[in-house]
Protein backbone atom coordinates (compact mmCIF):
# COMPACT_ATOMS: atom_id res chain seq x y z
CA MET A 1 4.43 17.22 10.32
CA ASN A 2 2.34 15.64 13.00
CA PHE A 3 4.25 12.87 14.76
CA SER A 4 1.28 11.97 16.96
CA GLU A 5 -0.30 10.04 14.09
CA ILE A 6 2.58 7.59 13.83
CA GLU A 7 1.34 4.04 14.32
CA GLU A 8 3.56 1.39 15.91
CA TYR A 9 2.83 -2.17 14.85
CA ILE A 10 4.14 -5.33 16.51
CA PRO A 11 3.57 -8.29 14.18
CA GLN A 12 2.64 -11.85 15.03
CA LYS A 13 5.26 -14.50 14.20
CA SER A 14 3.20 -15.72 11.25
CA GLU A 15 3.52 -12.25 9.70
CA TYR A 16 7.29 -12.47 9.36
CA MET A 17 8.07 -16.22 9.23
CA PRO A 18 9.67 -16.81 5.83
CA SER A 19 9.11 -19.94 3.80
CA LYS A 20 11.96 -22.38 4.41
CA GLN A 21 12.39 -22.79 0.66
CA ILE A 22 12.74 -19.03 0.06
CA TYR A 23 15.06 -18.61 3.05
CA LEU A 24 17.33 -21.33 1.66
CA ALA A 25 17.24 -19.84 -1.83
CA ARG A 26 18.37 -16.50 -0.34
CA ALA A 27 21.31 -18.39 1.20
CA GLY A 28 22.15 -19.80 -2.23
CA SER A 29 21.03 -23.34 -1.42
CA ILE A 30 18.78 -25.78 -3.20
CA TYR A 31 15.89 -26.73 -0.93
CA LYS A 32 15.62 -30.36 -2.08
CA LYS A 33 19.31 -31.04 -1.48
CA ILE A 34 19.20 -29.56 2.04
CA ILE A 35 16.01 -31.37 3.06
CA ASP A 36 17.47 -34.70 1.91
CA ASP A 37 20.65 -34.19 3.97
CA GLU A 38 19.81 -34.96 7.60
CA ASN A 39 22.77 -33.02 9.08
CA LEU A 40 22.25 -29.91 6.95
CA ASN A 41 18.51 -30.01 7.50
CA LYS A 42 19.11 -30.05 11.26
CA ILE A 43 21.36 -26.94 11.05
CA VAL A 44 18.89 -25.14 8.77
CA THR A 45 16.01 -25.86 11.16
CA GLU A 46 18.03 -24.80 14.23
CA ILE A 47 18.93 -21.49 12.56
CA TYR A 48 15.30 -20.94 11.52
CA LEU A 49 14.19 -21.40 15.13
CA LYS A 50 17.05 -19.21 16.38
CA GLY A 51 15.86 -16.46 14.03
CA LEU A 52 12.36 -16.66 15.48
CA GLU A 53 13.81 -16.52 18.99
CA LEU A 54 16.08 -13.53 18.32
CA ALA A 55 13.84 -11.40 16.12
CA SER A 56 12.15 -8.44 17.81
CA PRO A 57 10.17 -7.10 14.85
CA GLN A 58 8.64 -3.65 15.01
CA LEU A 59 7.12 -1.44 12.38
CA TRP A 60 6.16 2.23 12.38
CA HIS A 61 3.84 3.82 9.83
CA ASN A 62 2.33 7.16 8.97
CA ILE A 63 0.48 8.67 6.02
CA TYR A 64 1.38 12.17 4.86
CA GLU A 65 -0.11 14.60 2.37
CA ILE A 66 2.37 14.17 -0.47
CA ASN A 67 2.72 17.93 -0.99
CA LYS A 68 3.93 18.28 2.63
CA VAL A 69 6.87 15.87 2.46
CA PRO A 70 10.37 16.66 1.19
CA LYS A 71 10.45 16.19 -2.59
CA GLU A 72 13.68 14.17 -2.45
CA ILE A 73 11.88 11.24 -0.81
CA ILE A 74 9.12 10.99 -3.44
CA PRO A 75 9.81 8.54 -6.28
CA SER A 76 9.05 9.92 -9.75
CA LYS A 77 6.74 6.92 -10.29
CA PHE A 78 4.44 8.35 -7.60
CA VAL A 79 3.27 11.21 -9.87
CA GLY A 80 -0.44 11.78 -9.31
CA SER A 81 -0.43 10.39 -5.77
CA LYS A 82 -2.09 12.59 -3.15
CA LYS A 83 -0.85 10.79 -0.05
CA LEU A 84 2.32 8.94 0.88
CA SER A 85 2.54 6.00 3.28
CA ILE A 86 5.91 5.72 4.92
CA PHE A 87 6.81 2.74 7.03
CA LEU A 88 9.96 1.51 8.67
CA SER A 89 10.40 -2.10 9.71
CA THR A 90 13.16 -3.70 11.74
CA LEU A 91 14.00 -7.05 13.28
CA GLY A 92 15.98 -5.40 16.08
CA GLU A 93 19.59 -5.58 17.22
CA ARG A 94 19.78 -9.15 18.55
CA ILE A 95 19.76 -10.72 15.06
CA ASP A 96 22.61 -8.44 13.92
CA LYS A 97 24.66 -9.27 17.00
CA GLU A 98 24.16 -13.02 16.58
CA ILE A 99 25.11 -12.93 12.88
CA GLU A 100 28.25 -10.98 13.78
CA SER A 101 29.05 -13.38 16.63
CA LEU A 102 28.65 -16.45 14.42
CA MET A 103 30.93 -14.96 11.76
CA GLU A 104 33.55 -13.95 14.35
CA ARG A 105 33.54 -17.54 15.66
CA ASN A 106 34.09 -18.78 12.10
CA LYS A 107 30.61 -20.35 11.96
CA VAL A 108 30.16 -19.07 8.44
CA LEU A 109 27.40 -21.51 7.43
CA GLU A 110 25.28 -20.63 10.46
CA GLY A 111 25.98 -16.88 10.08
CA THR A 112 25.10 -16.95 6.39
CA LEU A 113 21.91 -18.91 7.07
CA LEU A 114 20.81 -16.55 9.85
CA ASP A 115 21.53 -13.53 7.66
CA ALA A 116 19.43 -15.08 4.86
CA TRP A 117 16.64 -15.95 7.30
CA ALA A 118 16.59 -12.38 8.64
CA SER A 119 16.53 -10.84 5.15
CA GLU A 120 13.59 -13.02 4.14
CA ALA A 121 11.79 -12.46 7.46
CA LEU A 122 12.04 -8.69 6.95
CA GLU A 123 10.77 -9.02 3.37
CA LYS A 124 7.85 -11.17 4.57
CA LEU A 125 7.03 -8.55 7.22
CA ASN A 126 7.08 -5.80 4.58
CA ASN A 127 4.87 -7.83 2.24
CA THR A 128 2.40 -8.57 5.04
CA PHE A 129 2.15 -4.92 6.11
CA ASP A 130 1.94 -3.78 2.48
CA GLN A 131 -1.11 -6.05 2.04
CA LYS A 132 -2.71 -4.67 5.22
CA LEU A 133 -2.33 -1.14 3.86
CA ARG A 134 -3.76 -2.09 0.46
CA THR A 135 -6.74 -3.79 2.11
CA LYS A 136 -7.40 -0.57 4.01
CA TYR A 137 -6.52 2.09 1.38
CA GLY A 138 -6.80 0.44 -2.04
CA LYS A 139 -4.37 -0.38 -4.82
CA GLY A 140 -1.82 2.43 -4.51
CA THR A 141 1.56 2.47 -6.23
CA MET A 142 4.21 -0.20 -6.06
CA ARG A 143 6.08 -0.35 -2.76
CA PHE A 144 9.38 1.47 -3.07
CA SER A 145 12.47 1.69 -0.85
CA PRO A 146 15.22 4.33 -0.93
CA GLY A 147 18.33 3.11 -2.69
CA TYR A 148 16.36 1.90 -5.71
CA GLY A 149 15.42 3.90 -8.79
CA ASP A 150 15.64 7.65 -8.41
CA ILE A 151 15.59 7.88 -4.61
CA ASP A 152 18.95 8.09 -2.87
CA ILE A 153 19.43 5.70 0.06
CA ARG A 154 20.63 8.64 2.16
CA VAL A 155 17.03 9.90 2.44
CA ASN A 156 16.60 7.19 5.07
CA LYS A 157 17.82 9.86 7.51
CA ILE A 158 14.89 12.12 6.59
CA ILE A 159 12.43 9.23 6.89
CA VAL A 160 13.73 8.17 10.31
CA GLU A 161 13.35 11.79 11.47
CA MET A 162 9.82 12.05 10.00
CA LEU A 163 8.79 8.91 11.89
CA ASN A 164 10.41 10.29 15.06
CA LEU A 165 12.66 7.23 15.40
CA THR A 166 16.10 8.82 15.84
CA ASP A 167 16.29 7.29 19.33
CA LYS A 168 15.67 3.76 17.95
CA ILE A 169 17.26 3.69 14.49
CA MET A 170 20.69 5.04 13.61
CA VAL A 171 21.33 6.15 10.02
CA ARG A 172 24.92 6.24 8.84
CA GLU A 173 26.09 8.95 6.47
CA SER A 174 25.82 6.34 3.69
CA GLY A 175 22.09 5.88 4.42
CA ILE A 176 22.59 2.37 5.83
CA MET A 177 20.54 1.87 8.99
CA ILE A 178 21.40 0.23 12.29
CA PRO A 179 20.01 -2.32 13.19
CA GLY A 180 21.06 -3.75 9.84
CA LYS A 181 17.86 -5.68 9.24
CA THR A 182 15.85 -2.47 8.89
CA THR A 183 14.06 -1.08 5.84
CA THR A 184 12.06 1.99 4.91
CA CYS A 185 9.18 1.66 2.46
CA LEU A 186 7.00 4.12 0.57
CA ILE A 187 3.61 3.67 -1.10
CA GLY A 188 1.72 6.41 -2.96
CA TRP A 189 -2.07 6.67 -2.73
């Protein structure tokens, strides 16, 4: 596999800023109730801004001939695809460390809100990049991540190696990646 074709992408803030309503829903809150409560709204806004300050989003992407990638990373729903886009996105370590710090200091509300913000920011980043790829390459298959359907989460290790990111992303034996707000995504073309 040719690692020289790997593209690194640094998004603009607008490409990963989640909607406040969706971020609050992820945290299990009702948007209208939070917005109407001045104290809670202040905390929610502070955490949103803290997320923007701490996030260091990066994304790496490559397209492979599907017959040249390990079969265990190809979802069965990708039958008929000739090429496979693989991308990995992360928000970096600072978000993880702050969530952990907030929880250790018993600031559970703030930690939970920041965790929800980061999850939604990562999803927004993935959606944004997915749309960029579809604009460039066409419809393709659904976006798919290991750990869902018939692809084991432990293939994240193979994907991190394929993207030549072993010095930036650690993959535990379980397939969970460090930094925690990191995902791998696949699209068939």
